[in-house]
Amino acid sequence: MYDLANVKLGVVCPMANEGEDGARFANAVLEQCIGFREIRFFAVLDNTTTDNSLALLRELEAKDPRVKVVWAPENRCIVDAYVRGYREALAYGADWILEIDAGFSHQPREIPQFFEAMRRGYYCVFGSRFMKSGGFGGGSLKRYLVSRGGTLLTNLMLGTKQTDMTSGFELFSRAALELVLGRGIHSRAHFFQTEIKVYCRKLRILEVPIHYSAPSPRLPGSAVDESFHHLWRLFKLRRADKL
């Protein structure tokens, strides 16, 4: 069992147009992250932010040394925001890296179960909306079907065995995240979460139930097309024994 007092934790959380909820969410997350040697909450923002979120989060940063605002105007897509956060957390020296979506689509109160699982020696702990005791609410039927169907298709084609291959609520060991970044994340849209899980499939991993409340029903058709493209790419790599 790991002793949290010896662990540095980095939290990666891309944000955009959160308003006052940005600081409220950061505080709610930090309330659940107790007992660690050190902790840093990385709020990653870019040019998609057009309200006062950046100013409000910088006010919080000035008051709370655990909060680090990362302004990344060079980002071209949501994947860039996550990768920038990953690299910030690794540069900080984090032993564990927690990834969570802002806007309370992921529930901060469910964070401790990730830590408890990681303490038992897992390399990655993935949140699942579709396992027993999990839940998917507030989103469109299309988003549900894409997430559910994408999981089943990925398991069939790539030999993975997870119940949710598209969730973005997860905890990585440093070694696991370095493995992912070393392989390279090729997807530029929602499929990148699946791609990450495929790369981690041979590690000691565990799923825990989460309750998801989707903030937006919109899922562009181009993102679905991109998912099929990269799923086929990974399938060919598997067939060639290069995955």
Protein backbone atom coordinates (compact mmCIF):
# COMPACT_ATOMS: atom_id res chain seq x y z
CA MET A 1 0.00 0.00 0.00
CA TYR A 2 1.29 3.45 -0.92
CA ASP A 3 1.48 6.11 1.77
CA LEU A 4 -0.07 9.29 0.36
CA ALA A 5 2.29 11.33 2.50
CA ASN A 6 5.06 10.28 0.09
CA VAL A 7 3.12 11.06 -3.10
CA LYS A 8 3.12 14.25 -5.18
CA LEU A 9 -0.21 14.69 -6.96
CA GLY A 10 -0.86 16.70 -10.10
CA VAL A 11 -4.43 17.44 -11.18
CA VAL A 12 -5.00 18.24 -14.86
CA CYS A 13 -8.18 20.16 -15.65
CA PRO A 14 -8.75 22.00 -18.95
CA MET A 15 -11.21 24.86 -18.51
CA ALA A 16 -13.08 27.32 -20.72
CA ASN A 17 -15.80 29.86 -19.92
CA GLU A 18 -16.41 28.49 -16.44
CA GLY A 19 -17.06 31.86 -14.79
CA GLU A 20 -17.29 31.63 -11.01
CA ASP A 21 -17.75 27.86 -11.28
CA GLY A 22 -14.08 27.53 -12.26
CA ALA A 23 -12.77 28.50 -8.84
CA ARG A 24 -15.64 26.67 -7.13
CA PHE A 25 -14.76 23.48 -9.00
CA ALA A 26 -11.03 23.78 -8.27
CA ASN A 27 -11.78 24.19 -4.57
CA ALA A 28 -14.17 21.22 -4.60
CA VAL A 29 -11.47 19.04 -6.17
CA LEU A 30 -8.79 20.17 -3.74
CA GLU A 31 -11.08 19.38 -0.80
CA GLN A 32 -10.97 15.73 -1.90
CA CYS A 33 -7.19 15.61 -2.37
CA ILE A 34 -5.93 15.35 1.18
CA GLY A 35 -3.00 13.59 2.78
CA PHE A 36 -0.55 14.06 -0.09
CA ARG A 37 3.02 15.26 0.28
CA GLU A 38 2.31 17.97 -2.28
CA ILE A 39 -0.49 18.80 -4.69
CA ARG A 40 -0.83 21.11 -7.68
CA PHE A 41 -4.06 21.79 -9.56
CA PHE A 42 -3.29 22.74 -13.18
CA ALA A 43 -6.13 24.75 -14.73
CA VAL A 44 -5.38 24.84 -18.47
CA LEU A 45 -7.02 27.65 -20.45
CA ASP A 46 -6.64 28.89 -24.01
CA ASN A 47 -8.30 31.14 -26.58
CA THR A 48 -11.59 29.27 -26.35
CA THR A 49 -12.04 31.16 -23.08
CA THR A 50 -13.87 34.44 -23.76
CA ASP A 51 -15.35 35.26 -20.35
CA ASN A 52 -13.71 36.21 -17.05
CA SER A 53 -12.59 32.67 -16.17
CA LEU A 54 -8.89 33.42 -16.59
CA ALA A 55 -9.00 36.46 -14.30
CA LEU A 56 -11.02 34.64 -11.63
CA LEU A 57 -8.72 31.63 -11.65
CA ARG A 58 -5.66 33.85 -11.43
CA GLU A 59 -7.21 35.45 -8.35
CA LEU A 60 -7.52 31.98 -6.84
CA GLU A 61 -3.93 31.18 -7.86
CA ALA A 62 -2.71 34.26 -5.98
CA LYS A 63 -4.48 33.06 -2.83
CA ASP A 64 -3.78 29.32 -3.02
CA PRO A 65 -0.29 28.06 -3.95
CA ARG A 66 -1.78 24.66 -4.85
CA VAL A 67 -3.42 26.22 -7.92
CA LYS A 68 -1.45 26.83 -11.12
CA VAL A 69 -3.11 28.58 -14.06
CA VAL A 70 -1.65 27.50 -17.39
CA TRP A 71 -2.42 29.93 -20.22
CA ALA A 72 -1.88 28.12 -23.53
CA PRO A 73 -3.06 30.24 -26.48
CA GLU A 74 -1.13 27.97 -28.85
CA ASN A 75 -3.64 25.15 -28.30
CA ARG A 76 -5.49 24.12 -31.45
CA CYS A 77 -7.85 21.53 -29.98
CA ILE A 78 -8.97 20.02 -26.70
CA VAL A 79 -6.30 17.33 -26.94
CA ASP A 80 -3.62 20.02 -26.90
CA ALA A 81 -5.07 21.32 -23.61
CA TYR A 82 -4.89 17.90 -21.98
CA VAL A 83 -1.38 17.18 -23.25
CA ARG A 84 -0.18 20.56 -22.03
CA GLY A 85 -1.62 19.73 -18.63
CA TYR A 86 0.03 16.30 -18.62
CA ARG A 87 3.41 17.82 -19.39
CA GLU A 88 2.99 20.50 -16.72
CA ALA A 89 2.18 17.82 -14.14
CA LEU A 90 5.18 15.70 -15.13
CA ALA A 91 7.49 18.74 -15.07
CA TYR A 92 6.18 19.49 -11.58
CA GLY A 93 7.39 16.04 -10.57
CA ALA A 94 3.99 14.48 -9.92
CA ASP A 95 4.00 10.79 -9.01
CA TRP A 96 0.29 10.49 -9.77
CA ILE A 97 -1.69 12.54 -12.28
CA LEU A 98 -5.44 12.91 -11.90
CA GLU A 99 -7.41 14.00 -14.97
CA ILE A 100 -10.86 15.48 -14.46
CA ASP A 101 -13.28 17.56 -16.53
CA ALA A 102 -14.45 20.93 -15.22
CA GLY A 103 -18.05 22.12 -15.02
CA PHE A 104 -19.04 19.39 -12.54
CA SER A 105 -19.63 16.91 -15.35
CA HIS A 106 -17.32 14.77 -13.21
CA GLN A 107 -18.13 14.68 -9.51
CA PRO A 108 -15.28 15.70 -7.17
CA ARG A 109 -16.80 13.61 -4.37
CA GLU A 110 -15.91 10.48 -6.37
CA ILE A 111 -12.18 11.26 -6.42
CA PRO A 112 -11.11 9.35 -3.26
CA GLN A 113 -11.94 5.95 -4.78
CA PHE A 114 -9.28 6.59 -7.45
CA PHE A 115 -6.65 7.20 -4.77
CA GLU A 116 -7.67 4.14 -2.78
CA ALA A 117 -7.34 1.95 -5.88
CA MET A 118 -3.96 3.42 -6.84
CA ARG A 119 -2.66 2.83 -3.33
CA ARG A 120 -3.15 -0.89 -3.98
CA GLY A 121 -0.55 -0.84 -6.75
CA TYR A 122 -2.47 -0.14 -9.97
CA TYR A 123 -0.79 1.88 -12.71
CA CYS A 124 -4.00 3.45 -14.01
CA VAL A 125 -7.49 3.84 -12.57
CA PHE A 126 -10.22 4.67 -15.09
CA GLY A 127 -13.66 6.02 -14.30
CA SER A 128 -16.51 4.08 -15.91
CA ARG A 129 -20.05 5.32 -16.50
CA PHE A 130 -21.22 1.93 -17.74
CA MET A 131 -20.09 -0.51 -15.07
CA LYS A 132 -22.33 -1.47 -12.18
CA SER A 133 -23.06 1.53 -9.92
CA GLY A 134 -21.91 3.99 -12.61
CA GLY A 135 -24.19 6.46 -14.37
CA PHE A 136 -24.57 8.60 -17.49
CA GLY A 137 -26.97 11.51 -17.21
CA GLY A 138 -27.75 14.86 -18.79
CA GLY A 139 -26.31 14.08 -22.23
CA SER A 140 -27.86 13.40 -25.60
CA LEU A 141 -28.83 9.93 -26.78
CA LYS A 142 -26.28 10.33 -29.59
CA ARG A 143 -23.45 10.97 -27.15
CA TYR A 144 -24.49 7.96 -25.07
CA LEU A 145 -24.69 5.67 -28.09
CA VAL A 146 -21.32 6.83 -29.42
CA SER A 147 -19.65 6.26 -26.05
CA ARG A 148 -21.32 2.91 -25.45
CA GLY A 149 -20.96 1.68 -29.02
CA GLY A 150 -17.40 2.94 -29.28
CA THR A 151 -16.46 0.98 -26.18
CA LEU A 152 -17.97 -2.25 -27.50
CA LEU A 153 -16.37 -1.83 -30.93
CA THR A 154 -12.95 -1.03 -29.48
CA ASN A 155 -13.07 -4.06 -27.19
CA LEU A 156 -13.99 -6.23 -30.17
CA MET A 157 -11.35 -4.88 -32.55
CA LEU A 158 -8.46 -4.24 -30.19
CA GLY A 159 -8.90 -6.86 -27.50
CA THR A 160 -9.45 -4.40 -24.66
CA LYS A 161 -11.82 -5.40 -21.88
CA GLN A 162 -12.98 -2.16 -20.28
CA THR A 163 -16.59 -1.14 -19.80
CA ASP A 164 -15.95 2.50 -20.72
CA MET A 165 -13.27 3.41 -23.26
CA THR A 166 -14.19 7.09 -23.68
CA SER A 167 -14.33 8.53 -20.15
CA GLY A 168 -11.91 11.30 -19.21
CA PHE A 169 -12.00 10.89 -15.43
CA GLU A 170 -8.84 8.93 -14.63
CA LEU A 171 -5.71 8.62 -12.53
CA PHE A 172 -2.29 7.71 -13.93
CA SER A 173 0.99 6.76 -12.37
CA ARG A 174 3.89 8.77 -13.68
CA ALA A 175 5.25 5.74 -15.54
CA ALA A 176 1.91 5.11 -17.27
CA LEU A 177 1.53 8.70 -18.45
CA GLU A 178 5.09 8.77 -19.72
CA LEU A 179 4.32 5.60 -21.67
CA VAL A 180 1.28 7.27 -23.26
CA LEU A 181 3.16 10.41 -24.24
CA GLY A 182 6.04 8.31 -25.52
CA ARG A 183 3.70 6.48 -27.88
CA GLY A 184 2.20 9.77 -29.04
CA ILE A 185 -1.47 10.77 -29.05
CA HIS A 186 -2.56 10.96 -32.68
CA SER A 187 -6.26 11.73 -32.30
CA ARG A 188 -7.19 15.42 -32.29
CA ALA A 189 -10.71 14.89 -30.95
CA HIS A 190 -12.71 12.79 -28.48
CA PHE A 191 -11.11 9.49 -29.51
CA PHE A 192 -7.88 10.43 -27.74
CA GLN A 193 -9.30 9.09 -24.47
CA THR A 194 -9.78 5.70 -26.13
CA GLU A 195 -6.32 5.85 -27.64
CA ILE A 196 -4.80 6.43 -24.19
CA LYS A 197 -6.64 3.46 -22.71
CA VAL A 198 -5.49 1.22 -25.56
CA TYR A 199 -1.87 2.14 -24.86
CA CYS A 200 -2.36 1.30 -21.16
CA ARG A 201 -4.21 -1.99 -21.72
CA LYS A 202 -1.25 -4.22 -20.75
CA LEU A 203 -0.59 -2.39 -17.50
CA ARG A 204 -2.22 -3.23 -14.17
CA ILE A 205 -5.40 -1.17 -14.52
CA LEU A 206 -8.72 -0.92 -12.73
CA GLU A 207 -12.09 0.69 -13.45
CA VAL A 208 -14.18 2.42 -10.79
CA PRO A 209 -17.78 3.60 -11.17
CA ILE A 210 -18.46 7.28 -11.82
CA HIS A 211 -21.57 9.36 -12.43
CA TYR A 212 -21.29 11.65 -15.43
CA SER A 213 -23.44 14.66 -16.20
CA ALA A 214 -22.75 15.80 -19.77
CA PRO A 215 -22.52 19.61 -20.04
CA SER A 216 -23.24 19.68 -23.77
CA PRO A 217 -25.27 17.46 -26.09
CA ARG A 218 -23.28 18.47 -29.15
CA LEU A 219 -20.98 15.89 -30.73
CA PRO A 220 -19.71 16.91 -34.18
CA GLY A 221 -19.96 14.35 -36.95
CA SER A 222 -16.32 15.04 -37.79
CA ALA A 223 -15.33 13.75 -34.33
CA VAL A 224 -17.16 10.48 -34.98
CA ASP A 225 -15.46 10.12 -38.38
CA GLU A 226 -12.09 10.79 -36.78
CA SER A 227 -12.79 8.10 -34.19
CA PHE A 228 -13.38 5.47 -36.87
CA HIS A 229 -10.20 6.55 -38.68
CA HIS A 230 -8.01 6.12 -35.60
CA LEU A 231 -9.75 2.94 -34.49
CA TRP A 232 -8.89 1.40 -37.86
CA ARG A 233 -5.31 2.70 -37.57
CA LEU A 234 -4.91 1.02 -34.19
CA PHE A 235 -6.52 -2.17 -35.48
CA LYS A 236 -3.95 -2.37 -38.29
CA LEU A 237 -1.13 -1.79 -35.78
CA ARG A 238 -2.48 -4.62 -33.65
CA ARG A 239 -2.68 -6.93 -36.65
CA ALA A 240 0.94 -6.10 -37.46
CA ASP A 241 1.89 -6.76 -33.82
CA LYS A 242 3.07 -3.15 -33.43
CA LEU A 243 0.65 -2.13 -30.72
